[in-house]
Amino acid sequence: MKKVILLVLTVTVIITACGPGNNGELVGVPGRKKFFEPEPFEMSFIPAGNFITGPSDQDALFAMNTLSRSVTVNAFWMDQTEMTNNKYRQFVYWVRDSILRTRLGEAQIPDYQFFRVDEEGNEIDPPVINWDEKIDMDVLEIADVVEEMYYPPHERFNNMKQFDVRKLNYVYFWVDYQQAAKARYDYVTERYEGKVYDKDGVESDVQDRSSFIMQDQVNVYPDTLAWIRDFTYSFNEPHATIYFWHPSFDDYPVVGVTWKQASAFSIWRTDYMNAALRAQGMVDVQYYRLPLETEWEYAARGGLDLSMYPWGGPYTRNYEGCFLANFKPLRGNYIDDGAAYTSAVASFEPNEFGLYDMAGNVAEWTSCAYHPSSYIFTHDLNPDYKYNAKPDDPPHLKRKVIRGGSWKDVGYFLQVSSRDYEYQDSTKCYIGFRNVRTYIGVD
């Protein structure tokens, strides 16, 4: 009997906590658990801080695209290394498998459920891929669908069956908060006022919240032929044929990815992480993205103000005379730093924030559009300059900032303040990327 009384009292307290029985004090919404952000795997925490942007040496190229200014950035997580072939391959395989399972589900093969069903056995609408269903190649209907994913017979070399990478197209979505902030909702007419532009620059009236949900599609396979295309009269076929897929290069930075592919990867990585967290009953974390240009520079400096390089100091060698990064030293002796091309990530010592290869190895995409005067008109708190280039825009509007220099660059481009750019739809064998994620909590 005592147990029953205690139960009734407990229920009464819960019911009256936000009801007529409260005492008028603000106690917050009950049942909210304190949030502790899970530390992301192989990412370094970059604390919020203020630093002085701009060159610590003369502008040797007379680029005149940087200036010294005080900038503050918020705290964030950053990948300790550049994105590797093996990690990017996980994205490619996921896209491949999702396309295959979608085709198998649409084929409606008897006794197989490649789309998830509800409690009554009906397929969920819209379809949700069932990753647990086995792909049995002994079943003729399944084998026929898989066969369609390969290169056609007349395109096969030595009659080898290989997946047609031209079919590895990833459809992704994101919310355009910049356009959403410009629109206005009229609570009297209960309608939105304003215009919205899609990825192709087509203008339309804002209908509702869905107007700000953008959709795009990109092929996710790296351009392996960039190794040949980037250098005229240079023998680089061995890298073009095996660099991305061979296990020997698993821990090397992925290259041959466009800015758009890197951005799509970031969206997929966010969905991949948050889906795993939700399955464990946890809340979402901030989305993965390419770093702001100033975030990249702040992280590269490693807390060492006015330093020329991520390791501090004005020299590219240590006291033993060894080079501190993978670049093009001296008069072009590529191998003198230990690698003629790219090197495995983390081959050199990290900076003070625990970040590897912030100078050399491969240059890195940032999220920012390139403008030589952006340092003048951007804000001093988390400076950001973005432009969503349309297909018919002139080339100069499709430039994105790259940072850090690469294995084929001279020492000038290794400086933490050096700015350069590449076109968003270009693929280069010396450009990769890494992700950041805004920190949730007190800095």
Protein backbone atom coordinates (compact mmCIF):
# COMPACT_ATOMS: atom_id res chain seq x y z
CA MET A 1 0.00 0.00 0.00
CA LYS A 2 2.88 2.38 0.74
CA LYS A 3 4.27 1.80 -2.75
CA VAL A 4 0.97 2.83 -4.34
CA ILE A 5 0.84 6.05 -2.32
CA LEU A 6 4.40 7.00 -3.30
CA LEU A 7 3.57 6.43 -6.95
CA VAL A 8 0.52 8.69 -6.77
CA LEU A 9 2.55 11.45 -5.11
CA THR A 10 5.24 11.23 -7.78
CA VAL A 11 2.72 11.50 -10.61
CA THR A 12 1.07 14.46 -8.89
CA VAL A 13 4.36 16.35 -8.66
CA ILE A 14 5.11 15.80 -12.34
CA ILE A 15 1.66 16.89 -13.47
CA THR A 16 1.56 20.03 -11.32
CA ALA A 17 5.12 21.15 -12.07
CA CYS A 18 3.89 23.20 -15.06
CA GLY A 19 0.22 23.34 -14.11
CA PRO A 20 -1.96 25.27 -11.67
CA GLY A 21 0.01 23.97 -8.70
CA ASN A 22 3.25 25.80 -9.57
CA ASN A 23 4.62 28.61 -7.45
CA GLY A 24 5.14 31.06 -10.29
CA GLU A 25 8.88 30.62 -10.49
CA LEU A 26 10.67 29.83 -13.72
CA VAL A 27 12.18 26.37 -13.51
CA GLY A 28 12.51 25.58 -17.18
CA VAL A 29 10.92 22.82 -19.22
CA PRO A 30 11.16 19.51 -17.30
CA GLY A 31 12.84 16.47 -18.75
CA ARG A 32 15.64 18.27 -20.59
CA LYS A 33 18.95 16.50 -20.21
CA LYS A 34 22.19 18.45 -19.96
CA PHE A 35 24.04 18.31 -23.26
CA PHE A 36 27.67 17.31 -23.53
CA GLU A 37 29.02 17.47 -27.05
CA PRO A 38 30.69 14.19 -28.03
CA GLU A 39 34.31 14.71 -29.01
CA PRO A 40 34.58 13.97 -32.74
CA PHE A 41 37.00 11.31 -33.91
CA GLU A 42 40.40 12.57 -35.10
CA MET A 43 39.43 16.24 -34.83
CA SER A 44 41.18 18.93 -32.78
CA PHE A 45 39.39 21.51 -30.67
CA ILE A 46 40.25 25.04 -31.76
CA PRO A 47 39.32 27.51 -29.01
CA ALA A 48 37.73 30.85 -29.79
CA GLY A 49 40.22 33.64 -30.15
CA ASN A 50 41.41 36.81 -31.75
CA PHE A 51 44.35 37.14 -34.11
CA ILE A 52 45.93 39.48 -36.64
CA THR A 53 45.48 38.36 -40.22
CA GLY A 54 47.84 39.28 -42.99
CA PRO A 55 51.44 38.66 -44.04
CA SER A 56 54.35 38.49 -41.61
CA ASP A 57 56.78 39.04 -44.46
CA GLN A 58 56.91 41.10 -47.64
CA ASP A 59 54.35 40.45 -50.37
CA ALA A 60 56.82 38.74 -52.69
CA LEU A 61 54.28 38.26 -55.50
CA PHE A 62 52.78 41.74 -55.15
CA ALA A 63 49.39 40.03 -54.94
CA MET A 64 48.05 42.81 -52.70
CA ASN A 65 45.11 40.63 -51.62
CA THR A 66 45.76 40.60 -47.87
CA LEU A 67 46.07 43.18 -45.14
CA SER A 68 46.64 43.17 -41.41
CA ARG A 69 43.46 43.36 -39.35
CA SER A 70 42.15 42.11 -36.03
CA VAL A 71 39.72 39.21 -36.43
CA THR A 72 37.79 37.11 -33.91
CA VAL A 73 36.61 33.57 -34.63
CA ASN A 74 34.32 31.27 -32.68
CA ALA A 75 35.41 27.90 -31.30
CA PHE A 76 35.27 24.91 -33.65
CA TRP A 77 36.50 21.40 -34.26
CA MET A 78 38.84 20.74 -37.18
CA ASP A 79 40.06 17.55 -38.83
CA GLN A 80 43.59 16.84 -37.64
CA THR A 81 44.62 15.77 -41.13
CA GLU A 82 43.52 16.37 -44.67
CA MET A 83 40.74 14.06 -45.83
CA THR A 84 42.34 10.79 -46.88
CA ASN A 85 41.58 8.54 -49.83
CA ASN A 86 40.23 5.85 -47.52
CA LYS A 87 37.83 8.18 -45.70
CA TYR A 88 36.56 9.74 -48.90
CA ARG A 89 36.20 6.24 -50.35
CA GLN A 90 33.67 5.53 -47.58
CA PHE A 91 31.53 8.30 -49.06
CA VAL A 92 31.90 6.93 -52.59
CA TYR A 93 30.98 3.42 -51.48
CA TRP A 94 27.95 4.70 -49.56
CA VAL A 95 26.68 6.52 -52.65
CA ARG A 96 27.31 3.42 -54.79
CA ASP A 97 25.49 1.11 -52.38
CA SER A 98 22.56 3.49 -51.87
CA ILE A 99 22.03 3.75 -55.63
CA LEU A 100 22.24 -0.03 -55.98
CA ARG A 101 19.79 -0.70 -53.14
CA THR A 102 17.40 1.93 -54.47
CA ARG A 103 17.36 0.21 -57.85
CA LEU A 104 16.84 -3.16 -56.19
CA GLY A 105 13.95 -1.74 -54.17
CA GLU A 106 12.33 -0.27 -57.27
CA ALA A 107 12.63 -3.66 -58.99
CA GLN A 108 10.33 -5.14 -56.31
CA ILE A 109 12.06 -8.51 -56.19
CA PRO A 110 9.87 -11.12 -54.45
CA ASP A 111 10.87 -12.12 -50.89
CA TYR A 112 13.32 -9.20 -50.62
CA GLN A 113 12.71 -5.88 -48.90
CA PHE A 114 15.30 -3.32 -49.98
CA PHE A 115 12.99 -0.57 -48.70
CA ARG A 116 11.88 -0.45 -45.08
CA VAL A 117 8.27 -1.22 -44.20
CA ASP A 118 6.02 -0.10 -41.36
CA GLU A 119 4.38 -2.32 -38.73
CA GLU A 120 1.66 -3.32 -41.20
CA GLY A 121 4.18 -4.38 -43.83
CA ASN A 122 3.68 -1.40 -46.15
CA GLU A 123 6.64 0.45 -47.65
CA ILE A 124 7.39 3.75 -45.95
CA ASP A 125 6.67 6.77 -48.14
CA PRO A 126 9.02 8.27 -49.20
CA PRO A 127 11.12 5.10 -49.47
CA VAL A 128 13.79 4.43 -46.84
CA ILE A 129 16.67 2.14 -47.76
CA ASN A 130 16.86 -1.11 -45.81
CA TRP A 131 20.57 -1.59 -45.28
CA ASP A 132 20.04 -4.90 -43.48
CA GLU A 133 18.69 -6.78 -46.51
CA LYS A 134 21.26 -9.12 -48.01
CA ILE A 135 22.24 -8.76 -51.67
CA ASP A 136 22.25 -12.36 -52.89
CA MET A 137 24.01 -12.58 -56.25
CA ASP A 138 22.65 -16.10 -56.75
CA VAL A 139 19.21 -14.60 -57.32
CA LEU A 140 18.86 -13.85 -61.03
CA GLU A 141 16.74 -10.69 -60.57
CA ILE A 142 19.30 -9.21 -58.15
CA ALA A 143 22.25 -10.14 -60.38
CA ASP A 144 20.59 -8.42 -63.35
CA VAL A 145 20.19 -5.16 -61.41
CA VAL A 146 23.80 -5.30 -60.21
CA GLU A 147 24.97 -5.91 -63.78
CA GLU A 148 23.42 -2.59 -64.79
CA MET A 149 25.79 -0.81 -62.40
CA TYR A 150 28.87 -2.02 -64.29
CA TYR A 151 30.45 -0.49 -67.37
CA PRO A 152 28.79 -1.88 -70.53
CA PRO A 153 30.72 -4.78 -72.10
CA HIS A 154 32.17 -2.73 -74.98
CA GLU A 155 33.76 -0.28 -72.50
CA ARG A 156 35.46 -2.90 -70.34
CA PHE A 157 39.23 -3.28 -70.36
CA ASN A 158 40.38 -6.93 -70.36
CA ASN A 159 36.70 -7.81 -69.84
CA MET A 160 36.92 -6.74 -66.18
CA LYS A 161 33.64 -5.94 -64.46
CA GLN A 162 33.94 -2.56 -62.75
CA PHE A 163 31.33 -0.20 -61.37
CA ASP A 164 30.54 2.63 -63.74
CA VAL A 165 31.68 5.68 -61.75
CA ARG A 166 29.66 7.95 -64.02
CA LYS A 167 26.55 6.66 -62.26
CA LEU A 168 27.74 7.60 -58.77
CA ASN A 169 25.64 10.74 -58.50
CA TYR A 170 24.73 12.02 -55.05
CA VAL A 171 21.52 14.00 -54.57
CA TYR A 172 21.74 16.22 -51.52
CA PHE A 173 19.80 18.96 -49.77
CA TRP A 174 20.62 21.95 -47.61
CA VAL A 175 18.86 24.99 -46.16
CA ASP A 176 19.85 28.38 -47.55
CA TYR A 177 19.73 30.44 -44.36
CA GLN A 178 21.08 33.54 -46.12
CA GLN A 179 18.06 33.73 -48.40
CA ALA A 180 15.71 32.78 -45.59
CA ALA A 181 16.99 35.70 -43.52
CA LYS A 182 16.14 38.14 -46.31
CA ALA A 183 12.55 36.96 -46.66
CA ARG A 184 9.77 38.27 -44.41
CA TYR A 185 6.72 36.47 -43.08
CA ASP A 186 3.60 38.64 -42.78
CA TYR A 187 1.60 37.37 -39.81
CA VAL A 188 -1.49 39.28 -40.97
CA THR A 189 -1.71 37.83 -44.47
CA GLU A 190 0.06 34.64 -43.34
CA ARG A 191 2.26 34.76 -46.41
CA TYR A 192 5.95 35.21 -47.16
CA GLU A 193 7.22 38.30 -48.92
CA GLY A 194 10.38 38.08 -50.98
CA LYS A 195 12.16 36.26 -53.75
CA VAL A 196 14.31 33.13 -53.70
CA TYR A 197 16.89 31.87 -56.19
CA ASP A 198 17.66 28.22 -56.79
CA LYS A 199 21.11 26.79 -57.57
CA ASP A 200 20.71 27.72 -61.24
CA GLY A 201 19.80 31.31 -60.43
CA VAL A 202 16.11 30.91 -61.35
CA GLU A 203 14.01 33.41 -59.42
CA SER A 204 10.66 32.57 -57.83
CA ASP A 205 8.36 33.87 -55.10
CA VAL A 206 8.80 32.51 -51.61
CA GLN A 207 5.90 30.13 -50.98
CA ASP A 208 6.73 28.64 -47.60
CA ARG A 209 9.68 27.22 -45.65
CA SER A 210 10.30 24.64 -48.35
CA SER A 211 11.36 27.44 -50.70
CA PHE A 212 14.65 27.66 -48.82
CA ILE A 213 15.43 23.96 -49.07
CA MET A 214 17.92 23.65 -51.91
CA GLN A 215 18.66 20.52 -53.90
CA ASP A 216 21.59 19.62 -56.09
CA GLN A 217 23.33 16.61 -57.57
CA VAL A 218 27.02 15.89 -58.03
CA ASN A 219 29.09 12.98 -59.21
CA VAL A 220 31.24 11.98 -56.24
CA TYR A 221 34.10 10.08 -57.85
CA PRO A 222 37.42 11.99 -57.87
CA ASP A 223 38.92 13.03 -61.19
CA THR A 224 41.88 10.64 -61.28
CA LEU A 225 43.00 11.98 -64.66
CA ALA A 226 43.85 15.31 -63.05
CA TRP A 227 47.30 13.83 -62.41
CA ILE A 228 47.85 13.81 -66.18
CA ARG A 229 45.89 16.92 -67.10
CA ASP A 230 47.64 19.25 -64.65
CA PHE A 231 51.15 18.80 -66.04
CA THR A 232 52.03 18.92 -69.72
CA TYR A 233 54.91 16.72 -70.89
CA SER A 234 55.18 14.99 -67.52
CA PHE A 235 54.77 11.27 -66.88
CA ASN A 236 52.15 10.86 -64.11
CA GLU A 237 50.09 7.92 -65.42
CA PRO A 238 50.99 5.65 -62.45
CA HIS A 239 49.26 8.01 -60.02
CA ALA A 240 46.29 8.44 -62.35
CA THR A 241 45.68 4.70 -62.45
CA ILE A 242 46.00 3.67 -58.79
CA TYR A 243 46.30 6.68 -56.45
CA PHE A 244 42.68 6.78 -55.28
CA TRP A 245 41.77 3.10 -54.95
CA HIS A 246 45.01 1.26 -54.12
CA PRO A 247 45.51 0.36 -50.41
CA SER A 248 49.06 1.72 -50.53
CA PHE A 249 47.57 5.21 -50.74
CA ASP A 250 44.83 4.79 -48.12
CA ASP A 251 46.40 7.36 -45.79
CA TYR A 252 47.29 9.87 -48.50
CA PRO A 253 45.16 12.99 -49.02
CA VAL A 254 42.36 12.67 -51.54
CA VAL A 255 42.80 14.95 -54.55
CA GLY A 256 40.94 15.55 -57.79
CA VAL A 257 37.80 16.68 -55.97
CA THR A 258 36.00 19.87 -56.88
CA TRP A 259 34.82 22.45 -54.37
CA LYS A 260 31.29 21.23 -55.03
CA GLN A 261 32.24 17.61 -54.32
CA ALA A 262 33.93 18.62 -51.07
CA SER A 263 30.83 20.56 -50.03
CA ALA A 264 28.57 17.60 -50.84
CA PHE A 265 30.84 15.32 -48.81
CA SER A 266 30.41 17.65 -45.83
CA ILE A 267 26.61 17.43 -46.08
CA TRP A 268 26.74 13.63 -46.34
CA ARG A 269 29.09 13.43 -43.35
CA THR A 270 26.67 15.52 -41.30
CA ASP A 271 23.74 13.26 -42.14
CA TYR A 272 25.85 10.18 -41.49
CA MET A 273 26.85 11.42 -38.03
CA ASN A 274 23.44 12.69 -36.94
CA ALA A 275 21.70 9.51 -38.08
CA ALA A 276 24.03 7.53 -35.80
CA LEU A 277 23.39 9.90 -32.88
CA ARG A 278 19.61 9.72 -33.29
CA ALA A 279 19.78 5.92 -33.30
CA GLN A 280 21.37 6.17 -29.84
CA GLY A 281 18.74 8.60 -28.58
CA MET A 282 21.11 11.58 -28.72
CA VAL A 283 20.52 15.02 -30.20
CA ASP A 284 22.12 16.35 -33.37
CA VAL A 285 25.43 18.19 -33.49
CA GLN A 286 26.41 21.10 -35.68
CA TYR A 287 26.94 20.34 -39.34
CA TYR A 288 30.30 19.58 -40.94
CA ARG A 289 31.47 22.11 -43.49
CA LEU A 290 34.50 23.53 -45.24
CA PRO A 291 36.31 26.05 -43.03
CA LEU A 292 35.96 29.78 -43.39
CA GLU A 293 39.09 31.35 -44.79
CA THR A 294 39.82 33.07 -41.47
CA GLU A 295 39.08 29.90 -39.50
CA TRP A 296 41.66 28.11 -41.60
CA GLU A 297 44.30 30.80 -41.04
CA TYR A 298 43.59 31.01 -37.30
CA ALA A 299 43.89 27.23 -36.96
CA ALA A 300 47.05 27.12 -39.11
CA ARG A 301 48.76 29.67 -36.87
CA GLY A 302 48.25 27.38 -33.88
CA GLY A 303 48.02 30.27 -31.45
CA LEU A 304 51.41 31.66 -32.54
CA ASP A 305 50.74 35.28 -33.41
CA LEU A 306 52.61 36.86 -36.31
CA SER A 307 54.33 33.60 -37.29
CA MET A 308 55.04 32.98 -40.97
CA TYR A 309 54.44 29.22 -40.90
CA PRO A 310 52.31 26.83 -38.84
CA TRP A 311 55.37 25.72 -36.87
CA GLY A 312 56.38 29.31 -36.08
CA GLY A 313 59.55 31.08 -37.11
CA PRO A 314 60.68 32.29 -40.53
CA TYR A 315 62.38 29.11 -41.80
CA THR A 316 61.20 25.95 -43.56
CA ARG A 317 63.90 23.75 -41.97
CA ASN A 318 64.45 22.61 -38.40
CA TYR A 319 67.76 22.76 -36.48
CA GLU A 320 68.90 19.50 -38.09
CA GLY A 321 68.38 20.94 -41.57
CA CYS A 322 65.30 18.81 -42.34
CA PHE A 323 62.38 20.38 -44.15
CA LEU A 324 59.23 20.83 -42.07
CA ALA A 325 56.64 20.26 -44.81
CA ASN A 326 56.12 18.63 -48.19
CA PHE A 327 56.57 21.30 -50.87
CA LYS A 328 58.94 22.32 -53.71
CA PRO A 329 62.10 23.38 -51.90
CA LEU A 330 65.28 24.98 -53.12
CA ARG A 331 65.57 25.13 -56.93
CA GLY A 332 62.89 22.50 -57.42
CA ASN A 333 64.33 19.46 -55.65
CA TYR A 334 60.92 17.87 -55.01
CA ILE A 335 62.35 14.82 -53.24
CA ASP A 336 64.52 16.72 -50.76
CA ASP A 337 61.65 16.90 -48.26
CA GLY A 338 61.04 13.15 -48.51
CA ALA A 339 58.34 12.95 -51.19
CA ALA A 340 58.22 13.76 -54.88
CA TYR A 341 54.43 13.99 -54.89
CA THR A 342 52.01 13.87 -51.95
CA SER A 343 53.03 12.19 -48.72
CA ALA A 344 50.95 10.24 -46.23
CA VAL A 345 49.07 12.57 -43.90
CA ALA A 346 50.72 13.32 -40.54
CA SER A 347 54.20 12.64 -41.94
CA PHE A 348 55.40 15.89 -40.37
CA GLU A 349 54.96 17.28 -36.88
CA PRO A 350 51.64 18.99 -36.00
CA ASN A 351 51.25 22.62 -35.01
CA GLU A 352 50.29 23.80 -31.52
CA PHE A 353 46.62 22.93 -32.13
CA GLY A 354 47.48 19.35 -33.10
CA LEU A 355 46.82 19.91 -36.81
CA TYR A 356 48.97 18.20 -39.44
CA ASP A 357 49.97 19.43 -42.88
CA MET A 358 48.52 22.92 -42.56
CA ALA A 359 51.40 23.84 -44.87
CA GLY A 360 52.25 21.79 -47.94
CA ASN A 361 51.22 18.30 -49.05
CA VAL A 362 47.96 19.48 -50.68
CA ALA A 363 46.30 22.88 -50.76
CA GLU A 364 42.85 22.94 -49.18
CA TRP A 365 39.45 24.24 -50.22
CA THR A 366 37.73 26.74 -47.95
CA SER A 367 34.05 27.69 -48.03
CA CYS A 368 34.74 31.29 -49.06
CA ALA A 369 34.51 32.85 -52.47
CA TYR A 370 37.66 34.64 -53.57
CA HIS A 371 37.71 38.41 -53.78
CA PRO A 372 41.03 40.27 -53.61
CA SER A 373 39.45 42.97 -51.41
CA SER A 374 37.32 40.79 -49.13
CA TYR A 375 39.52 41.65 -46.14
CA ILE A 376 38.28 45.23 -46.46
CA PHE A 377 34.50 44.75 -46.48
CA THR A 378 33.93 41.59 -44.41
CA HIS A 379 33.03 41.72 -40.72
CA ASP A 380 35.71 41.33 -38.05
CA LEU A 381 33.70 38.62 -36.22
CA ASN A 382 33.79 35.31 -38.10
CA PRO A 383 34.47 37.06 -41.45
CA ASP A 384 32.69 35.31 -44.28
CA TYR A 385 32.31 36.04 -47.96
CA LYS A 386 30.26 33.58 -49.99
CA TYR A 387 28.78 33.66 -53.45
CA ASN A 388 26.75 30.83 -54.95
CA ALA A 389 27.94 31.00 -58.54
CA LYS A 390 25.38 30.21 -61.21
CA PRO A 391 26.25 28.07 -64.25
CA ASP A 392 26.20 31.08 -66.60
CA ASP A 393 28.24 33.34 -64.33
CA PRO A 394 31.62 34.53 -65.63
CA PRO A 395 34.65 32.54 -64.42
CA HIS A 396 35.85 35.14 -61.92
CA LEU A 397 32.67 34.63 -59.87
CA LYS A 398 33.39 30.91 -59.57
CA ARG A 399 36.68 31.36 -57.72
CA LYS A 400 37.02 29.78 -54.26
CA VAL A 401 39.82 30.40 -51.79
CA ILE A 402 42.42 27.68 -51.31
CA ARG A 403 45.00 27.76 -48.54
CA GLY A 404 48.19 26.09 -47.38
CA GLY A 405 50.17 25.42 -50.53
CA SER A 406 50.94 21.96 -51.85
CA TRP A 407 53.66 19.50 -52.79
CA LYS A 408 54.27 21.34 -56.07
CA ASP A 409 54.38 24.88 -54.59
CA VAL A 410 57.31 26.99 -53.47
CA GLY A 411 57.67 28.13 -49.86
CA TYR A 412 55.77 31.40 -50.33
CA PHE A 413 52.44 29.56 -50.59
CA LEU A 414 53.14 27.66 -47.36
CA GLN A 415 52.88 30.86 -45.32
CA VAL A 416 49.76 30.96 -43.15
CA SER A 417 48.69 34.28 -44.66
CA SER A 418 49.10 33.36 -48.35
CA ARG A 419 45.87 33.39 -50.33
CA ASP A 420 45.21 31.70 -53.63
CA TYR A 421 42.15 30.53 -55.53
CA GLU A 422 40.86 27.88 -57.88
CA TYR A 423 37.60 27.57 -59.80
CA GLN A 424 34.85 25.68 -57.99
CA ASP A 425 34.31 23.20 -60.82
CA SER A 426 38.03 22.48 -61.30
CA THR A 427 39.84 19.35 -60.20
CA LYS A 428 43.52 19.43 -59.35
CA CYS A 429 45.96 16.76 -58.23
CA TYR A 430 47.29 19.14 -55.59
CA ILE A 431 44.05 20.31 -53.92
CA GLY A 432 42.22 18.45 -51.15
CA PHE A 433 40.21 19.53 -48.13
CA ARG A 434 39.40 19.01 -44.47
CA ASN A 435 36.23 19.66 -42.47
CA VAL A 436 35.37 21.80 -39.48
CA ARG A 437 32.38 21.72 -37.13
CA THR A 438 31.25 24.65 -35.00
CA TYR A 439 31.62 23.90 -31.30
CA ILE A 440 28.44 23.77 -29.23
CA GLY A 441 28.89 25.23 -25.76
CA VAL A 442 30.84 27.77 -23.79
CA ASP A 443 34.09 28.73 -25.50
